[in-house]
């Protein structure tokens, strides 16, 4: 019995990180104790005290998004949109429709 509470099901995890992509890549990077911190290459870090960061060097938005959409989105949005569908264990449309079923995709950016 749910006592009037709604149930939540987490159907999958998607990740784009400096140490690995998707749940498997992230796990492999973690278990290998791979460090992602390197010298910054995406912009000139001269005005800042730090010259190092954990960049995502191998992410190419055109590998995941059509050209028009990739061009319209900033990098942060490209990363978020890219991982949403592939992180779902249940494919879109598999839930069907019912008054008891609501599917809300979520992207939780961590910095």
N, C-alpha and C. Protein backbone atom coordinates (compact mmCIF):
# COMPACT_ATOMS: atom_id res chain seq x y z
N UNK A 1 0.85 -1.18 0.00
CA UNK A 1 0.00 0.00 0.00
C UNK A 1 0.89 1.23 0.00
N UNK A 2 0.48 2.28 -0.71
CA UNK A 2 1.36 3.43 -0.83
C UNK A 2 0.99 4.59 0.08
N UNK A 3 -0.03 4.46 0.91
CA UNK A 3 -0.42 5.50 1.88
C UNK A 3 -0.60 6.86 1.24
N UNK A 4 -1.10 6.92 0.01
CA UNK A 4 -1.31 8.19 -0.67
C UNK A 4 -0.06 8.79 -1.28
N UNK A 5 1.06 8.15 -1.15
CA UNK A 5 2.31 8.66 -1.72
C UNK A 5 2.47 8.15 -3.14
N UNK A 6 3.16 8.94 -3.95
CA UNK A 6 3.44 8.53 -5.33
C UNK A 6 4.73 7.73 -5.34
N UNK A 7 4.76 6.72 -6.15
CA UNK A 7 5.97 5.92 -6.28
C UNK A 7 6.85 6.50 -7.38
N UNK A 8 8.15 6.38 -7.19
CA UNK A 8 9.12 6.88 -8.16
C UNK A 8 10.02 5.72 -8.58
N UNK A 9 10.26 5.61 -9.88
CA UNK A 9 11.15 4.58 -10.40
C UNK A 9 12.26 5.26 -11.18
N UNK A 10 13.50 4.97 -10.83
CA UNK A 10 14.64 5.47 -11.59
C UNK A 10 14.96 4.42 -12.63
N UNK A 11 14.82 4.80 -13.91
CA UNK A 11 14.94 3.82 -14.98
C UNK A 11 16.33 3.74 -15.59
N UNK A 12 17.22 4.63 -15.19
CA UNK A 12 18.55 4.55 -15.76
C UNK A 12 19.39 5.75 -15.39
N UNK A 13 20.65 5.64 -15.70
CA UNK A 13 21.60 6.71 -15.42
C UNK A 13 22.39 6.98 -16.69
N UNK A 14 22.45 8.22 -17.08
CA UNK A 14 23.27 8.63 -18.22
C UNK A 14 24.31 9.60 -17.70
N UNK A 15 25.49 9.55 -18.25
CA UNK A 15 26.55 10.44 -17.76
C UNK A 15 27.49 10.81 -18.90
N UNK A 16 27.87 12.06 -18.91
CA UNK A 16 28.94 12.52 -19.78
C UNK A 16 29.93 13.17 -18.83
N UNK A 17 31.03 12.51 -18.60
CA UNK A 17 32.01 13.01 -17.63
C UNK A 17 33.40 12.98 -18.25
N UNK A 18 34.33 13.68 -17.62
CA UNK A 18 35.71 13.66 -18.13
C UNK A 18 36.39 12.29 -18.04
N UNK A 19 35.89 11.41 -17.18
CA UNK A 19 36.53 10.10 -17.05
C UNK A 19 35.81 8.98 -17.76
N UNK A 20 34.63 9.26 -18.33
CA UNK A 20 33.91 8.23 -19.06
C UNK A 20 32.50 8.66 -19.38
N UNK A 21 31.95 8.07 -20.45
CA UNK A 21 30.62 8.40 -20.90
C UNK A 21 29.68 7.24 -20.64
N UNK A 22 28.44 7.54 -20.26
CA UNK A 22 27.41 6.58 -19.90
C UNK A 22 27.79 5.92 -18.57
N UNK A 23 26.88 5.15 -18.04
CA UNK A 23 27.11 4.53 -16.73
C UNK A 23 28.33 3.62 -16.75
N UNK A 24 28.48 2.82 -17.82
CA UNK A 24 29.62 1.90 -17.90
C UNK A 24 30.95 2.64 -17.98
N UNK A 25 31.02 3.67 -18.82
CA UNK A 25 32.26 4.43 -18.96
C UNK A 25 32.63 5.15 -17.69
N UNK A 26 31.63 5.71 -17.01
CA UNK A 26 31.87 6.38 -15.74
C UNK A 26 32.40 5.38 -14.70
N UNK A 27 31.76 4.23 -14.63
CA UNK A 27 32.18 3.21 -13.66
C UNK A 27 33.62 2.74 -13.95
N UNK A 28 33.93 2.52 -15.22
CA UNK A 28 35.29 2.11 -15.58
C UNK A 28 36.31 3.17 -15.19
N UNK A 29 35.99 4.43 -15.42
CA UNK A 29 36.89 5.52 -15.04
C UNK A 29 37.09 5.59 -13.54
N UNK A 30 36.01 5.38 -12.78
CA UNK A 30 36.11 5.40 -11.32
C UNK A 30 36.93 4.23 -10.79
N UNK A 31 36.66 3.04 -11.30
CA UNK A 31 37.38 1.87 -10.79
C UNK A 31 38.85 1.88 -11.21
N UNK A 32 39.16 2.54 -12.33
CA UNK A 32 40.56 2.67 -12.76
C UNK A 32 41.26 3.81 -12.04
N UNK A 33 40.49 4.55 -11.23
CA UNK A 33 41.03 5.71 -10.50
C UNK A 33 41.66 6.72 -11.45
N UNK A 34 41.01 6.89 -12.59
CA UNK A 34 41.49 7.80 -13.61
C UNK A 34 41.21 9.24 -13.18
N UNK A 35 42.21 10.10 -13.27
CA UNK A 35 42.01 11.51 -12.98
C UNK A 35 41.70 12.25 -14.27
N UNK A 36 40.76 13.17 -14.19
CA UNK A 36 40.37 13.94 -15.36
C UNK A 36 40.93 15.36 -15.32
N UNK A 37 41.61 15.69 -14.25
CA UNK A 37 42.12 17.05 -14.09
C UNK A 37 43.38 17.22 -14.92
N UNK A 38 43.31 18.20 -15.83
CA UNK A 38 44.43 18.48 -16.73
C UNK A 38 44.50 19.98 -16.98
N UNK A 39 45.46 20.38 -17.76
CA UNK A 39 45.58 21.78 -18.14
C UNK A 39 44.39 22.16 -19.03
N UNK A 40 43.83 23.34 -18.80
CA UNK A 40 42.66 23.81 -19.55
C UNK A 40 43.04 24.05 -21.01
N UNK A 41 42.20 23.52 -21.91
CA UNK A 41 42.46 23.69 -23.35
C UNK A 41 41.30 24.34 -24.10
N UNK A 42 40.11 24.40 -23.52
CA UNK A 42 38.93 24.92 -24.22
C UNK A 42 38.90 26.45 -24.31
N UNK A 43 39.65 27.11 -23.45
CA UNK A 43 39.72 28.58 -23.47
C UNK A 43 41.03 29.02 -22.85
N UNK A 44 41.34 30.30 -22.96
CA UNK A 44 42.58 30.84 -22.41
C UNK A 44 42.37 31.11 -20.91
N UNK A 45 43.04 30.35 -20.04
CA UNK A 45 42.83 30.51 -18.60
C UNK A 45 43.66 31.63 -17.96
N UNK A 46 44.36 32.43 -18.75
CA UNK A 46 45.25 33.46 -18.24
C UNK A 46 44.61 34.37 -17.18
N UNK A 47 43.37 34.83 -17.35
CA UNK A 47 42.79 35.73 -16.34
C UNK A 47 42.47 35.06 -15.00
N UNK A 48 42.57 33.75 -14.93
CA UNK A 48 42.18 33.02 -13.73
C UNK A 48 43.39 32.49 -12.98
N UNK A 49 43.22 32.27 -11.68
CA UNK A 49 44.31 31.74 -10.86
C UNK A 49 44.63 30.29 -11.22
N UNK A 50 43.60 29.52 -11.49
CA UNK A 50 43.80 28.10 -11.79
C UNK A 50 43.99 27.89 -13.29
N UNK A 51 44.83 26.97 -13.63
CA UNK A 51 45.09 26.62 -15.03
C UNK A 51 44.67 25.18 -15.33
N UNK A 52 44.03 24.55 -14.34
CA UNK A 52 43.62 23.16 -14.50
C UNK A 52 42.11 23.02 -14.30
N UNK A 53 41.53 21.99 -14.92
CA UNK A 53 40.10 21.68 -14.78
C UNK A 53 39.86 20.27 -15.28
N UNK A 54 38.67 19.78 -15.03
CA UNK A 54 38.28 18.46 -15.53
C UNK A 54 37.37 18.68 -16.74
N UNK A 55 37.95 18.87 -17.89
CA UNK A 55 37.21 19.09 -19.13
C UNK A 55 36.75 17.75 -19.71
N UNK A 56 35.78 17.83 -20.61
CA UNK A 56 35.32 16.64 -21.32
C UNK A 56 35.87 16.76 -22.74
N UNK A 57 37.06 16.21 -22.99
CA UNK A 57 37.74 16.46 -24.25
C UNK A 57 37.17 15.75 -25.46
N UNK A 58 36.56 14.59 -25.28
CA UNK A 58 36.15 13.78 -26.44
C UNK A 58 34.66 13.92 -26.78
N UNK A 59 33.96 14.88 -26.20
CA UNK A 59 32.54 15.06 -26.50
C UNK A 59 32.38 15.86 -27.79
N UNK A 60 31.67 15.26 -28.76
CA UNK A 60 31.37 15.92 -30.02
C UNK A 60 29.85 15.94 -30.17
N UNK A 61 29.23 17.12 -30.03
CA UNK A 61 27.76 17.16 -30.08
C UNK A 61 27.18 16.61 -31.37
N UNK A 62 27.87 16.77 -32.48
CA UNK A 62 27.35 16.28 -33.76
C UNK A 62 27.27 14.76 -33.81
N UNK A 63 27.92 14.07 -32.90
CA UNK A 63 27.80 12.61 -32.82
C UNK A 63 26.48 12.19 -32.18
N UNK A 64 25.82 13.11 -31.50
CA UNK A 64 24.61 12.79 -30.74
C UNK A 64 23.38 13.60 -31.14
N UNK A 65 23.59 14.76 -31.75
CA UNK A 65 22.51 15.67 -32.10
C UNK A 65 22.59 16.03 -33.58
N UNK A 66 21.44 16.38 -34.17
CA UNK A 66 21.51 16.85 -35.55
C UNK A 66 22.19 18.22 -35.58
N UNK A 67 22.73 18.61 -36.70
CA UNK A 67 23.55 19.82 -36.81
C UNK A 67 22.80 21.08 -36.38
N UNK A 68 21.54 21.19 -36.75
CA UNK A 68 20.76 22.38 -36.40
C UNK A 68 20.58 22.51 -34.89
N UNK A 69 20.25 21.41 -34.26
CA UNK A 69 20.06 21.43 -32.81
C UNK A 69 21.37 21.67 -32.08
N UNK A 70 22.43 21.05 -32.52
CA UNK A 70 23.74 21.23 -31.89
C UNK A 70 24.17 22.70 -31.96
N UNK A 71 23.88 23.34 -33.07
CA UNK A 71 24.27 24.75 -33.25
C UNK A 71 23.46 25.68 -32.34
N UNK A 72 22.21 25.36 -32.09
CA UNK A 72 21.34 26.21 -31.28
C UNK A 72 21.61 26.11 -29.78
N UNK A 73 22.14 24.99 -29.33
CA UNK A 73 22.34 24.77 -27.90
C UNK A 73 23.76 25.15 -27.48
N UNK A 74 23.88 25.68 -26.27
CA UNK A 74 25.22 25.91 -25.73
C UNK A 74 25.78 24.57 -25.25
N UNK A 75 27.05 24.54 -24.91
CA UNK A 75 27.70 23.27 -24.56
C UNK A 75 27.03 22.58 -23.37
N UNK A 76 26.68 23.34 -22.36
CA UNK A 76 26.04 22.77 -21.18
C UNK A 76 24.75 22.04 -21.58
N UNK A 77 23.93 22.70 -22.40
CA UNK A 77 22.67 22.10 -22.85
C UNK A 77 22.92 20.88 -23.75
N UNK A 78 23.93 20.95 -24.59
CA UNK A 78 24.28 19.81 -25.44
C UNK A 78 24.60 18.59 -24.58
N UNK A 79 25.38 18.79 -23.54
CA UNK A 79 25.74 17.69 -22.65
C UNK A 79 24.50 17.12 -21.96
N UNK A 80 23.62 17.97 -21.48
CA UNK A 80 22.42 17.52 -20.77
C UNK A 80 21.48 16.76 -21.70
N UNK A 81 21.19 17.31 -22.86
CA UNK A 81 20.26 16.69 -23.81
C UNK A 81 20.81 15.38 -24.34
N UNK A 82 22.09 15.31 -24.53
CA UNK A 82 22.72 14.10 -25.06
C UNK A 82 22.52 12.90 -24.16
N UNK A 83 22.61 13.05 -22.87
CA UNK A 83 22.56 11.91 -21.97
C UNK A 83 21.15 11.49 -21.58
N UNK A 84 20.16 12.32 -21.76
CA UNK A 84 18.82 11.96 -21.32
C UNK A 84 18.28 10.69 -21.96
N UNK A 85 18.20 10.56 -23.30
CA UNK A 85 17.60 9.35 -23.87
C UNK A 85 18.42 8.10 -23.62
N UNK A 86 19.74 8.19 -23.70
CA UNK A 86 20.55 6.98 -23.56
C UNK A 86 20.63 6.50 -22.12
N UNK A 87 20.28 7.36 -21.18
CA UNK A 87 20.30 6.96 -19.79
C UNK A 87 19.08 6.18 -19.36
N UNK A 88 18.05 6.17 -20.19
CA UNK A 88 16.80 5.51 -19.82
C UNK A 88 16.86 4.02 -20.14
N UNK A 89 16.59 3.20 -19.14
CA UNK A 89 16.55 1.76 -19.37
C UNK A 89 15.26 1.38 -20.09
N UNK A 90 14.23 2.18 -19.90
CA UNK A 90 12.95 1.92 -20.55
C UNK A 90 12.85 2.86 -21.75
N UNK A 91 12.76 2.32 -22.96
CA UNK A 91 12.71 3.19 -24.14
C UNK A 91 11.46 4.05 -24.18
N UNK A 92 11.57 5.26 -24.80
CA UNK A 92 10.40 6.12 -24.90
C UNK A 92 9.24 5.38 -25.57
N UNK A 93 8.04 5.57 -25.04
CA UNK A 93 6.86 4.92 -25.60
C UNK A 93 6.54 3.58 -24.97
N UNK A 94 7.47 3.00 -24.24
CA UNK A 94 7.25 1.68 -23.65
C UNK A 94 6.34 1.74 -22.42
N UNK A 95 6.15 2.90 -21.86
CA UNK A 95 5.33 3.04 -20.66
C UNK A 95 3.84 2.96 -20.97
N UNK A 96 3.45 3.31 -22.19
CA UNK A 96 2.03 3.36 -22.51
C UNK A 96 1.41 4.58 -21.84
N UNK A 97 0.11 4.63 -21.83
CA UNK A 97 -0.57 5.75 -21.18
C UNK A 97 -1.57 5.21 -20.19
N UNK A 98 -1.63 5.84 -19.07
CA UNK A 98 -2.53 5.42 -18.00
C UNK A 98 -2.63 6.58 -17.02
N UNK A 99 -3.68 6.63 -16.26
CA UNK A 99 -3.80 7.70 -15.27
C UNK A 99 -2.83 7.47 -14.11
N UNK A 100 -2.24 6.29 -14.05
CA UNK A 100 -1.32 5.95 -12.97
C UNK A 100 0.15 6.12 -13.37
N UNK A 101 0.42 6.35 -14.63
CA UNK A 101 1.79 6.39 -15.12
C UNK A 101 2.14 7.77 -15.66
N UNK A 102 3.15 8.36 -15.09
CA UNK A 102 3.67 9.62 -15.60
C UNK A 102 5.17 9.48 -15.71
N UNK A 103 5.70 9.72 -16.89
CA UNK A 103 7.14 9.63 -17.10
C UNK A 103 7.69 11.04 -17.21
N UNK A 104 8.59 11.38 -16.31
CA UNK A 104 9.20 12.71 -16.31
C UNK A 104 10.71 12.53 -16.45
N UNK A 105 11.25 12.79 -17.64
CA UNK A 105 12.70 12.69 -17.78
C UNK A 105 13.36 13.79 -16.98
N UNK A 106 14.47 13.50 -16.36
CA UNK A 106 15.15 14.49 -15.55
C UNK A 106 16.65 14.50 -15.89
N UNK A 107 17.19 15.67 -15.88
CA UNK A 107 18.62 15.85 -16.05
C UNK A 107 19.12 16.58 -14.82
N UNK A 108 20.06 15.99 -14.12
CA UNK A 108 20.60 16.62 -12.93
C UNK A 108 22.08 16.92 -13.17
N UNK A 109 22.38 18.17 -13.50
CA UNK A 109 23.78 18.52 -13.75
C UNK A 109 24.55 18.63 -12.43
N UNK A 110 25.70 18.03 -12.41
CA UNK A 110 26.57 18.10 -11.24
C UNK A 110 27.85 18.82 -11.63
N UNK A 111 28.26 19.74 -10.83
CA UNK A 111 29.51 20.45 -11.11
C UNK A 111 30.46 20.32 -9.96
